[in-house]
Amino acid sequence: MTQMTVALEALAKDSALWHDTSTVLGTAQQSAAAQVLTDTQLTWASQDGLQATYDQLRVRIADLLGQGQEETRKIAATLLHVKTIYESSDQKSKNALRGVWDIQK
């Protein structure tokens, strides 16, 4: 196994990890966004303004999780793009050198 093969496999593996992280963050974002509480559920605490504070915090957390999902998705895509560029470059080099070292009989 060449160093290039190992590096390409590492890029693919790292991309998969970032993709999985993005998926988890997306699930967490959806869960956070759905955690709506009513005045009735907060009972006495809703009278002290907790409802508004809770809603602001819930929305902010969901927003940050969504941003994290998008950024980790971009990282995964970039790693795969880099892998594709290296593979393409490697193939172009092989094609360019094809026949150069062949011995004529």
PDB file of N, CA and C in Angstrom:
ATOM      1  N   MET A   1       0.850  -1.173   0.000  1.00  0.00           N
ATOM      2  CA  MET A   1       0.000   0.000   0.000  1.00  0.00           C
ATOM      3  C   MET A   1       0.899   1.240   0.000  1.00  0.00           C
ATOM      4  N   THR A   2       0.633   2.133  -0.926  1.00  0.00           N
ATOM      5  CA  THR A   2       1.467   3.332  -1.039  1.00  0.00           C
ATOM      6  C   THR A   2       1.020   4.395  -0.043  1.00  0.00           C
ATOM      7  N   GLN A   3       1.894   5.367   0.151  1.00  0.00           N
ATOM      8  CA  GLN A   3       1.537   6.487   1.030  1.00  0.00           C
ATOM      9  C   GLN A   3       0.331   7.238   0.485  1.00  0.00           C
ATOM     10  N   MET A   4       0.257   7.332  -0.841  1.00  0.00           N
ATOM     11  CA  MET A   4      -0.870   8.024  -1.468  1.00  0.00           C
ATOM     12  C   MET A   4      -2.170   7.295  -1.177  1.00  0.00           C
ATOM     13  N   THR A   5      -2.158   5.978  -1.267  1.00  0.00           N
ATOM     14  CA  THR A   5      -3.352   5.185  -0.981  1.00  0.00           C
ATOM     15  C   THR A   5      -3.786   5.375   0.467  1.00  0.00           C
ATOM     16  N   VAL A   6      -2.832   5.356   1.369  1.00  0.00           N
ATOM     17  CA  VAL A   6      -3.128   5.549   2.788  1.00  0.00           C
ATOM     18  C   VAL A   6      -3.723   6.932   3.012  1.00  0.00           C
ATOM     19  N   ALA A   7      -3.141   7.949   2.374  1.00  0.00           N
ATOM     20  CA  ALA A   7      -3.634   9.320   2.530  1.00  0.00           C
ATOM     21  C   ALA A   7      -5.053   9.457   1.976  1.00  0.00           C
ATOM     22  N   LEU A   8      -5.324   8.840   0.841  1.00  0.00           N
ATOM     23  CA  LEU A   8      -6.653   8.914   0.247  1.00  0.00           C
ATOM     24  C   LEU A   8      -7.682   8.199   1.116  1.00  0.00           C
ATOM     25  N   GLU A   9      -7.299   7.073   1.671  1.00  0.00           N
ATOM     26  CA  GLU A   9      -8.202   6.357   2.583  1.00  0.00           C
ATOM     27  C   GLU A   9      -8.469   7.190   3.836  1.00  0.00           C
ATOM     28  N   ALA A  10      -7.441   7.877   4.330  1.00  0.00           N
ATOM     29  CA  ALA A  10      -7.611   8.734   5.505  1.00  0.00           C
ATOM     30  C   ALA A  10      -8.561   9.897   5.193  1.00  0.00           C
ATOM     31  N   LEU A  11      -8.453  10.471   4.012  1.00  0.00           N
ATOM     32  CA  LEU A  11      -9.370  11.542   3.619  1.00  0.00           C
ATOM     33  C   LEU A  11     -10.808  11.040   3.576  1.00  0.00           C
ATOM     34  N   ALA A  12     -11.007   9.860   3.018  1.00  0.00           N
ATOM     35  CA  ALA A  12     -12.355   9.283   2.946  1.00  0.00           C
ATOM     36  C   ALA A  12     -12.898   8.995   4.344  1.00  0.00           C
ATOM     37  N   LYS A  13     -12.055   8.456   5.195  1.00  0.00           N
ATOM     38  CA  LYS A  13     -12.484   8.126   6.563  1.00  0.00           C
ATOM     39  C   LYS A  13     -12.815   9.402   7.344  1.00  0.00           C
ATOM     40  N   ASP A  14     -11.956  10.408   7.234  1.00  0.00           N
ATOM     41  CA  ASP A  14     -12.209  11.674   7.925  1.00  0.00           C
ATOM     42  C   ASP A  14     -13.480  12.334   7.408  1.00  0.00           C
ATOM     43  N   SER A  15     -13.686  12.281   6.106  1.00  0.00           N
ATOM     44  CA  SER A  15     -14.899  12.851   5.535  1.00  0.00           C
ATOM     45  C   SER A  15     -16.140  12.165   6.096  1.00  0.00           C
ATOM     46  N   ALA A  16     -16.082  10.854   6.213  1.00  0.00           N
ATOM     47  CA  ALA A  16     -17.218  10.102   6.762  1.00  0.00           C
ATOM     48  C   ALA A  16     -17.498  10.494   8.211  1.00  0.00           C
ATOM     49  N   LEU A  17     -16.430  10.709   8.978  1.00  0.00           N
ATOM     50  CA  LEU A  17     -16.619  11.126  10.375  1.00  0.00           C
ATOM     51  C   LEU A  17     -17.284  12.501  10.461  1.00  0.00           C
ATOM     52  N   TRP A  18     -16.836  13.430   9.616  1.00  0.00           N
ATOM     53  CA  TRP A  18     -17.444  14.764   9.604  1.00  0.00           C
ATOM     54  C   TRP A  18     -18.893  14.690   9.120  1.00  0.00           C
ATOM     55  N   HIS A  19     -19.156  13.828   8.163  1.00  0.00           N
ATOM     56  CA  HIS A  19     -20.527  13.651   7.675  1.00  0.00           C
ATOM     57  C   HIS A  19     -21.420  13.125   8.795  1.00  0.00           C
ATOM     58  N   ASP A  20     -20.918  12.133   9.528  1.00  0.00           N
ATOM     59  CA  ASP A  20     -21.685  11.577  10.652  1.00  0.00           C
ATOM     60  C   ASP A  20     -21.944  12.647  11.710  1.00  0.00           C
ATOM     61  N   THR A  21     -20.933  13.475  11.976  1.00  0.00           N
ATOM     62  CA  THR A  21     -21.089  14.558  12.950  1.00  0.00           C
ATOM     63  C   THR A  21     -22.165  15.532  12.476  1.00  0.00           C
ATOM     64  N   SER A  22     -22.157  15.844  11.189  1.00  0.00           N
ATOM     65  CA  SER A  22     -23.158  16.733  10.622  1.00  0.00           C
ATOM     66  C   SER A  22     -24.564  16.161  10.793  1.00  0.00           C
ATOM     67  N   THR A  23     -24.691  14.873  10.565  1.00  0.00           N
ATOM     68  CA  THR A  23     -25.988  14.210  10.722  1.00  0.00           C
ATOM     69  C   THR A  23     -26.479  14.293  12.169  1.00  0.00           C
ATOM     70  N   VAL A  24     -25.579  14.045  13.114  1.00  0.00           N
ATOM     71  CA  VAL A  24     -25.940  14.111  14.537  1.00  0.00           C
ATOM     72  C   VAL A  24     -26.350  15.533  14.917  1.00  0.00           C
ATOM     73  N   LEU A  25     -25.593  16.516  14.437  1.00  0.00           N
ATOM     74  CA  LEU A  25     -25.942  17.908  14.730  1.00  0.00           C
ATOM     75  C   LEU A  25     -27.289  18.281  14.127  1.00  0.00           C
ATOM     76  N   GLY A  26     -27.582  17.775  12.947  1.00  0.00           N
ATOM     77  CA  GLY A  26     -28.881  18.034  12.326  1.00  0.00           C
ATOM     78  C   GLY A  26     -30.025  17.446  13.135  1.00  0.00           C
ATOM     79  N   THR A  27     -29.826  16.249  13.630  1.00  0.00           N
ATOM     80  CA  THR A  27     -30.841  15.613  14.475  1.00  0.00           C
ATOM     81  C   THR A  27     -31.027  16.399  15.770  1.00  0.00           C
ATOM     82  N   ALA A  28     -29.923  16.822  16.364  1.00  0.00           N
ATOM     83  CA  ALA A  28     -29.986  17.610  17.602  1.00  0.00           C
ATOM     84  C   ALA A  28     -30.673  18.955  17.351  1.00  0.00           C
ATOM     85  N   GLN A  29     -30.410  19.554  16.204  1.00  0.00           N
ATOM     86  CA  GLN A  29     -31.037  20.834  15.862  1.00  0.00           C
ATOM     87  C   GLN A  29     -32.554  20.675  15.765  1.00  0.00           C
ATOM     88  N   GLN A  30     -33.001  19.629  15.098  1.00  0.00           N
ATOM     89  CA  GLN A  30     -34.438  19.384  14.969  1.00  0.00           C
ATOM     90  C   GLN A  30     -35.074  19.125  16.331  1.00  0.00           C
ATOM     91  N   SER A  31     -34.358  18.383  17.161  1.00  0.00           N
ATOM     92  CA  SER A  31     -34.867  18.082  18.498  1.00  0.00           C
ATOM     93  C   SER A  31     -34.971  19.348  19.345  1.00  0.00           C
ATOM     94  N   ALA A  32     -33.935  20.173  19.287  1.00  0.00           N
ATOM     95  CA  ALA A  32     -33.942  21.425  20.062  1.00  0.00           C
ATOM     96  C   ALA A  32     -35.068  22.341  19.598  1.00  0.00           C
ATOM     97  N   ALA A  33     -35.259  22.434  18.295  1.00  0.00           N
ATOM     98  CA  ALA A  33     -36.309  23.301  17.753  1.00  0.00           C
ATOM     99  C   ALA A  33     -37.698  22.834  18.191  1.00  0.00           C
ATOM    100  N   ALA A  34     -37.848  21.537  18.411  1.00  0.00           N
ATOM    101  CA  ALA A  34     -39.155  20.980  18.767  1.00  0.00           C
ATOM    102  C   ALA A  34     -39.465  21.057  20.261  1.00  0.00           C
ATOM    103  N   GLN A  35     -38.526  21.488  21.060  1.00  0.00           N
ATOM    104  CA  GLN A  35     -38.713  21.514  22.517  1.00  0.00           C
ATOM    105  C   GLN A  35     -39.483  22.749  22.973  1.00  0.00           C
ATOM    106  N   VAL A  36     -40.645  22.940  22.410  1.00  0.00           N
ATOM    107  CA  VAL A  36     -41.494  24.090  22.732  1.00  0.00           C
ATOM    108  C   VAL A  36     -42.277  23.783  24.002  1.00  0.00           C
ATOM    109  N   LEU A  37     -42.268  24.728  24.925  1.00  0.00           N
ATOM    110  CA  LEU A  37     -43.051  24.601  26.153  1.00  0.00           C
ATOM    111  C   LEU A  37     -44.083  25.719  26.206  1.00  0.00           C
ATOM    112  N   THR A  38     -45.255  25.391  26.674  1.00  0.00           N
ATOM    113  CA  THR A  38     -46.326  26.381  26.793  1.00  0.00           C
ATOM    114  C   THR A  38     -46.327  26.982  28.193  1.00  0.00           C
ATOM    115  N   ASP A  39     -47.117  28.044  28.376  1.00  0.00           N
ATOM    116  CA  ASP A  39     -47.261  28.650  29.704  1.00  0.00           C
ATOM    117  C   ASP A  39     -47.764  27.621  30.712  1.00  0.00           C
ATOM    118  N   THR A  40     -48.658  26.774  30.271  1.00  0.00           N
ATOM    119  CA  THR A  40     -49.211  25.746  31.151  1.00  0.00           C
ATOM    120  C   THR A  40     -48.128  24.775  31.606  1.00  0.00           C
ATOM    121  N   GLN A  41     -47.251  24.412  30.711  1.00  0.00           N
ATOM    122  CA  GLN A  41     -46.185  23.478  31.056  1.00  0.00           C
ATOM    123  C   GLN A  41     -45.157  24.116  31.991  1.00  0.00           C
ATOM    124  N   LEU A  42     -44.970  25.412  31.866  1.00  0.00           N
ATOM    125  CA  LEU A  42     -44.020  26.098  32.739  1.00  0.00           C
ATOM    126  C   LEU A  42     -44.681  26.551  34.047  1.00  0.00           C
ATOM    127  N   THR A  43     -45.963  26.489  34.109  1.00  0.00           N
ATOM    128  CA  THR A  43     -46.776  26.877  35.275  1.00  0.00           C
ATOM    129  C   THR A  43     -46.337  28.223  35.853  1.00  0.00           C
ATOM    130  N   TRP A  44     -45.985  28.259  37.104  1.00  0.00           N
ATOM    131  CA  TRP A  44     -45.669  29.514  37.801  1.00  0.00           C
ATOM    132  C   TRP A  44     -44.467  30.249  37.192  1.00  0.00           C
ATOM    133  N   ALA A  45     -43.539  29.520  36.615  1.00  0.00           N
ATOM    134  CA  ALA A  45     -42.323  30.136  36.081  1.00  0.00           C
ATOM    135  C   ALA A  45     -42.625  31.032  34.875  1.00  0.00           C
ATOM    136  N   SER A  46     -43.704  30.742  34.152  1.00  0.00           N
ATOM    137  CA  SER A  46     -44.023  31.548  32.977  1.00  0.00           C
ATOM    138  C   SER A  46     -44.426  32.968  33.376  1.00  0.00           C
ATOM    139  N   GLN A  47     -44.856  33.143  34.613  1.00  0.00           N
ATOM    140  CA  GLN A  47     -45.267  34.477  35.085  1.00  0.00           C
ATOM    141  C   GLN A  47     -44.057  35.392  35.294  1.00  0.00           C
ATOM    142  N   ASP A  48     -42.900  34.825  35.474  1.00  0.00           N
ATOM    143  CA  ASP A  48     -41.694  35.613  35.730  1.00  0.00           C
ATOM    144  C   ASP A  48     -40.866  35.862  34.470  1.00  0.00           C
ATOM    145  N   GLY A  49     -41.443  35.637  33.315  1.00  0.00           N
ATOM    146  CA  GLY A  49     -40.727  35.888  32.064  1.00  0.00           C
ATOM    147  C   GLY A  49     -39.858  34.733  31.589  1.00  0.00           C
ATOM    148  N   LEU A  50     -39.955  33.606  32.258  1.00  0.00           N
ATOM    149  CA  LEU A  50     -39.144  32.461  31.857  1.00  0.00           C
ATOM    150  C   LEU A  50     -39.518  31.958  30.466  1.00  0.00           C
ATOM    151  N   GLN A  51     -40.779  32.085  30.114  1.00  0.00           N
ATOM    152  CA  GLN A  51     -41.237  31.610  28.803  1.00  0.00           C
ATOM    153  C   GLN A  51     -40.449  32.278  27.673  1.00  0.00           C
ATOM    154  N   ALA A  52     -40.329  33.582  27.723  1.00  0.00           N
ATOM    155  CA  ALA A  52     -39.608  34.312  26.672  1.00  0.00           C
ATOM    156  C   ALA A  52     -38.126  33.952  26.676  1.00  0.00           C
ATOM    157  N   THR A  53     -37.537  33.853  27.854  1.00  0.00           N
ATOM    158  CA  THR A  53     -36.123  33.499  27.958  1.00  0.00           C
ATOM    159  C   THR A  53     -35.887  32.093  27.430  1.00  0.00           C
ATOM    160  N   TYR A  54     -36.759  31.177  27.807  1.00  0.00           N
ATOM    161  CA  TYR A  54     -36.646  29.795  27.342  1.00  0.00           C
ATOM    162  C   TYR A  54     -36.740  29.737  25.817  1.00  0.00           C
ATOM    163  N   ASP A  55     -37.720  30.435  25.247  1.00  0.00           N
ATOM    164  CA  ASP A  55     -37.895  30.415  23.793  1.00  0.00           C
ATOM    165  C   ASP A  55     -36.678  31.005  23.079  1.00  0.00           C
ATOM    166  N   GLN A  56     -36.131  32.092  23.596  1.00  0.00           N
ATOM    167  CA  GLN A  56     -34.947  32.701  22.987  1.00  0.00           C
ATOM    168  C   GLN A  56     -33.769  31.727  23.036  1.00  0.00           C
ATOM    169  N   LEU A  57     -33.583  31.084  24.158  1.00  0.00           N
ATOM    170  CA  LEU A  57     -32.487  30.129  24.315  1.00  0.00           C
ATOM    171  C   LEU A  57     -32.673  28.916  23.401  1.00  0.00           C
ATOM    172  N   ARG A  58     -33.882  28.404  23.343  1.00  0.00           N
ATOM    173  CA  ARG A  58     -34.180  27.242  22.493  1.00  0.00           C
ATOM    174  C   ARG A  58     -33.903  27.566  21.032  1.00  0.00           C
ATOM    175  N   VAL A  59     -34.340  28.719  20.587  1.00  0.00           N
ATOM    176  CA  VAL A  59     -34.126  29.127  19.195  1.00  0.00           C
ATOM    177  C   VAL A  59     -32.634  29.322  18.925  1.00  0.00           C
ATOM    178  N   ARG A  60     -31.918  29.925  19.877  1.00  0.00           N
ATOM    179  CA  ARG A  60     -30.478  30.163  19.702  1.00  0.00           C
ATOM    180  C   ARG A  60     -29.710  28.844  19.620  1.00  0.00           C
ATOM    181  N   ILE A  61     -30.040  27.912  20.500  1.00  0.00           N
ATOM    182  CA  ILE A  61     -29.374  26.607  20.485  1.00  0.00           C
ATOM    183  C   ILE A  61     -29.651  25.876  19.175  1.00  0.00           C
ATOM    184  N   ALA A  62     -30.905  25.890  18.738  1.00  0.00           N
ATOM    185  CA  ALA A  62     -31.255  25.240  17.474  1.00  0.00           C
ATOM    186  C   ALA A  62     -30.499  25.894  16.320  1.00  0.00           C
ATOM    187  N   ASP A  63     -30.375  27.217  16.344  1.00  0.00           N
ATOM    188  CA  ASP A  63     -29.643  27.932  15.304  1.00  0.00           C
ATOM    189  C   ASP A  63     -28.167  27.535  15.292  1.00  0.00           C
ATOM    190  N   LEU A  64     -27.551  27.490  16.457  1.00  0.00           N
ATOM    191  CA  LEU A  64     -26.133  27.116  16.541  1.00  0.00           C
ATOM    192  C   LEU A  64     -25.905  25.674  16.091  1.00  0.00           C
ATOM    193  N   LEU A  65     -26.805  24.791  16.457  1.00  0.00           N
ATOM    194  CA  LEU A  65     -26.693  23.401  16.002  1.00  0.00           C
ATOM    195  C   LEU A  65     -26.836  23.314  14.485  1.00  0.00           C
ATOM    196  N   GLY A  66     -27.741  24.100  13.925  1.00  0.00           N
ATOM    197  CA  GLY A  66     -27.907  24.139  12.479  1.00  0.00           C
ATOM    198  C   GLY A  66     -26.656  24.664  11.782  1.00  0.00           C
ATOM    199  N   GLN A  67     -26.043  25.701  12.365  1.00  0.00           N
ATOM    200  CA  GLN A  67     -24.804  26.224  11.806  1.00  0.00           C
ATOM    201  C   GLN A  67     -23.690  25.175  11.880  1.00  0.00           C
ATOM    202  N   GLY A  68     -23.634  24.479  13.006  1.00  0.00           N
ATOM    203  CA  GLY A  68     -22.643  23.409  13.160  1.00  0.00           C
ATOM    204  C   GLY A  68     -22.853  22.303  12.143  1.00  0.00           C
ATOM    205  N   GLN A  69     -24.109  21.961  11.910  1.00  0.00           N
ATOM    206  CA  GLN A  69     -24.419  20.943  10.903  1.00  0.00           C
ATOM    207  C   GLN A  69     -23.913  21.381   9.535  1.00  0.00           C
ATOM    208  N   GLU A  70     -24.184  22.623   9.170  1.00  0.00           N
ATOM    209  CA  GLU A  70     -23.775  23.118   7.851  1.00  0.00           C
ATOM    210  C   GLU A  70     -22.249  23.153   7.717  1.00  0.00           C
ATOM    211  N   GLU A  71     -21.567  23.614   8.748  1.00  0.00           N
ATOM    212  CA  GLU A  71     -20.106  23.703   8.679  1.00  0.00           C
ATOM    213  C   GLU A  71     -19.449  22.323   8.619  1.00  0.00           C
ATOM    214  N   THR A  72     -19.947  21.376   9.397  1.00  0.00           N
ATOM    215  CA  THR A  72     -19.364  20.035   9.362  1.00  0.00           C
ATOM    216  C   THR A  72     -19.691  19.340   8.034  1.00  0.00           C
ATOM    217  N   ARG A  73     -20.851  19.652   7.447  1.00  0.00           N
ATOM    218  CA  ARG A  73     -21.181  19.129   6.122  1.00  0.00           C
ATOM    219  C   ARG A  73     -20.192  19.667   5.089  1.00  0.00           C
ATOM    220  N   LYS A  74     -19.868  20.953   5.212  1.00  0.00           N
ATOM    221  CA  LYS A  74     -18.903  21.565   4.287  1.00  0.00           C
ATOM    222  C   LYS A  74     -17.518  20.934   4.443  1.00  0.00           C
ATOM    223  N   ILE A  75     -17.121  20.657   5.680  1.00  0.00           N
ATOM    224  CA  ILE A  75     -15.819  20.021   5.919  1.00  0.00           C
ATOM    225  C   ILE A  75     -15.789  18.648   5.248  1.00  0.00           C
ATOM    226  N   ALA A  76     -16.857  17.868   5.434  1.00  0.00           N
ATOM    227  CA  ALA A  76     -16.926  16.534   4.826  1.00  0.00           C
ATOM    228  C   ALA A  76     -16.838  16.631   3.308  1.00  0.00           C
ATOM    229  N   ALA A  77     -17.573  17.566   2.732  1.00  0.00           N
ATOM    230  CA  ALA A  77     -17.564  17.732   1.279  1.00  0.00           C
ATOM    231  C   ALA A  77     -16.193  18.182   0.782  1.00  0.00           C
ATOM    232  N   THR A  78     -15.550  19.066   1.521  1.00  0.00           N
ATOM    233  CA  THR A  78     -14.222  19.551   1.121  1.00  0.00           C
ATOM    234  C   THR A  78     -13.201  18.423   1.146  1.00  0.00           C
ATOM    235  N   LEU A  79     -13.248  17.597   2.175  1.00  0.00           N
ATOM    236  CA  LEU A  79     -12.313  16.472   2.248  1.00  0.00           C
ATOM    237  C   LEU A  79     -12.504  15.521   1.073  1.00  0.00           C
ATOM    238  N   LEU A  80     -13.749  15.255   0.706  1.00  0.00           N
ATOM    239  CA  LEU A  80     -14.003  14.390  -0.447  1.00  0.00           C
ATOM    240  C   LEU A  80     -13.532  15.056  -1.739  1.00  0.00           C
ATOM    241  N   HIS A  81     -13.704  16.368  -1.820  1.00  0.00           N
ATOM    242  CA  HIS A  81     -13.243  17.105  -2.996  1.00  0.00           C
ATOM    243  C   HIS A  81     -11.720  17.019  -3.128  1.00  0.00           C
ATOM    244  N   VAL A  82     -11.028  17.194  -2.007  1.00  0.00           N
ATOM    245  CA  VAL A  82      -9.563  17.093  -2.014  1.00  0.00           C
ATOM    246  C   VAL A  82      -9.147  15.689  -2.448  1.00  0.00           C
ATOM    247  N   LYS A  83      -9.829  14.688  -1.933  1.00  0.00           N
ATOM    248  CA  LYS A  83      -9.536  13.299  -2.310  1.00  0.00           C
ATOM    249  C   LYS A  83      -9.711  13.113  -3.818  1.00  0.00           C
ATOM    250  N   THR A  84     -10.791  13.637  -4.358  1.00  0.00           N
ATOM    251  CA  THR A  84     -11.058  13.529  -5.793  1.00  0.00           C
ATOM    252  C   THR A  84      -9.971  14.220  -6.611  1.00  0.00           C
ATOM    253  N   ILE A  85      -9.529  15.388  -6.158  1.00  0.00           N
ATOM    254  CA  ILE A  85      -8.464  16.114  -6.857  1.00  0.00           C
ATOM    255  C   ILE A  85      -7.179  15.298  -6.862  1.00  0.00           C
ATOM    256  N   TYR A  86      -6.818  14.737  -5.711  1.00  0.00           N
ATOM    257  CA  TYR A  86      -5.608  13.913  -5.652  1.00  0.00           C
ATOM    258  C   TYR A  86      -5.717  12.687  -6.556  1.00  0.00           C
ATOM    259  N   GLU A  87      -6.877  12.043  -6.527  1.00  0.00           N
ATOM    260  CA  GLU A  87      -7.062  10.863  -7.379  1.00  0.00           C
ATOM    261  C   GLU A  87      -6.970  11.236  -8.851  1.00  0.00           C
ATOM    262  N   SER A  88      -7.577  12.342  -9.214  1.00  0.00           N
ATOM    263  CA  SER A  88      -7.542  12.806 -10.596  1.00  0.00           C
ATOM    264  C   SER A  88      -6.121  13.156 -11.010  1.00  0.00           C
ATOM    265  N   SER A  89      -5.429  13.857 -10.123  1.00  0.00           N
ATOM    266  CA  SER A  89      -4.051  14.253 -10.405  1.00  0.00           C
ATOM    267  C   SER A  89      -3.166  13.026 -10.551  1.00  0.00           C
ATOM    268  N   ASP A  90      -3.363  12.049  -9.679  1.00  0.00           N
ATOM    269  CA  ASP A  90      -2.580  10.818  -9.733  1.00  0.00           C
ATOM    270  C   ASP A  90      -2.833  10.083 -11.051  1.00  0.00           C
ATOM    271  N   GLN A  91      -4.097  10.024 -11.464  1.00  0.00           N
ATOM    272  CA  GLN A  91      -4.444   9.349 -12.709  1.00  0.00           C
ATOM    273  C   GLN A  91      -3.860  10.101 -13.901  1.00  0.00           C
ATOM    274  N   LYS A  92      -3.911  11.434 -13.869  1.00  0.00           N
ATOM    275  CA  LYS A  92      -3.334  12.226 -14.962  1.00  0.00           C
ATOM    276  C   LYS A  92      -1.829  11.973 -15.064  1.00  0.00           C
ATOM    277  N   SER A  93      -1.177  11.889 -13.907  1.00  0.00           N
ATOM    278  CA  SER A  93       0.271  11.615 -13.910  1.00  0.00           C
ATOM    279  C   SER A  93       0.557  10.240 -14.492  1.00  0.00           C
ATOM    280  N   LYS A  94      -0.236   9.266 -14.122  1.00  0.00           N
ATOM    281  CA  LYS A  94      -0.057   7.912 -14.662  1.00  0.00           C
ATOM    282  C   LYS A  94      -0.246   7.918 -16.172  1.00  0.00           C
ATOM    283  N   ASN A  95      -1.282   8.617 -16.628  1.00  0.00           N
ATOM    284  CA  ASN A  95      -1.545   8.673 -18.069  1.00  0.00           C
ATOM    285  C   ASN A  95      -0.412   9.376 -18.804  1.00  0.00           C
ATOM    286  N   ALA A  96       0.127  10.443 -18.221  1.00  0.00           N
ATOM    287  CA  ALA A  96       1.206  11.190 -18.859  1.00  0.00           C
ATOM    288  C   ALA A  96       2.481  10.360 -18.962  1.00  0.00           C
ATOM    289  N   LEU A  97       2.712   9.497 -17.991  1.00  0.00           N
ATOM    290  CA  LEU A  97       3.935   8.699 -17.969  1.00  0.00           C
ATOM    291  C   LEU A  97       3.773   7.345 -18.649  1.00  0.00           C
ATOM    292  N   ARG A  98       2.561   7.007 -19.037  1.00  0.00           N
ATOM    293  CA  ARG A  98       2.315   5.715 -19.669  1.00  0.00           C
ATOM    294  C   ARG A  98       3.178   5.610 -20.936  1.00  0.00           C
ATOM    295  N   GLY A  99       3.943   4.570 -20.992  1.00  0.00           N
ATOM    296  CA  GLY A  99       4.776   4.311 -22.155  1.00  0.00           C
ATOM    297  C   GLY A  99       6.159   4.944 -22.093  1.00  0.00           C
ATOM    298  N   VAL A 100       6.361   5.893 -21.197  1.00  0.00           N
ATOM    299  CA  VAL A 100       7.663   6.562 -21.116  1.00  0.00           C
ATOM    300  C   VAL A 100       8.761   5.586 -20.727  1.00  0.00           C
ATOM    301  N   TRP A 101       8.444   4.680 -19.819  1.00  0.00           N
ATOM    302  CA  TRP A 101       9.466   3.759 -19.308  1.00  0.00           C
ATOM    303  C   TRP A 101       9.416   2.390 -19.952  1.00  0.00           C
ATOM    304  N   ASP A 102       8.521   2.232 -20.925  1.00  0.00           N
ATOM    305  CA  ASP A 102       8.426   0.947 -21.610  1.00  0.00           C
ATOM    306  C   ASP A 102       9.706   0.702 -22.412  1.00  0.00           C
ATOM    307  N   ILE A 103      10.168  -0.512 -22.357  1.00  0.00           N
ATOM    308  CA  ILE A 103      11.374  -0.888 -23.123  1.00  0.00           C
ATOM    309  C   ILE A 103      10.938  -1.427 -24.461  1.00  0.00           C
ATOM    310  N   GLN A 104      11.501  -0.856 -25.496  1.00  0.00           N
ATOM    311  CA  GLN A 104      11.204  -1.305 -26.859  1.00  0.00           C
ATOM    312  C   GLN A 104      11.967  -2.589 -27.150  1.00  0.00           C
ATOM    313  N   LYS A 105      11.336  -3.559 -27.702  1.00  0.00           N
ATOM    314  CA  LYS A 105      12.004  -4.809 -28.065  1.00  0.00           C
ATOM    315  C   LYS A 105      12.271  -4.870 -29.521  1.00  0.00           C
TER     316      LYS A 105
END
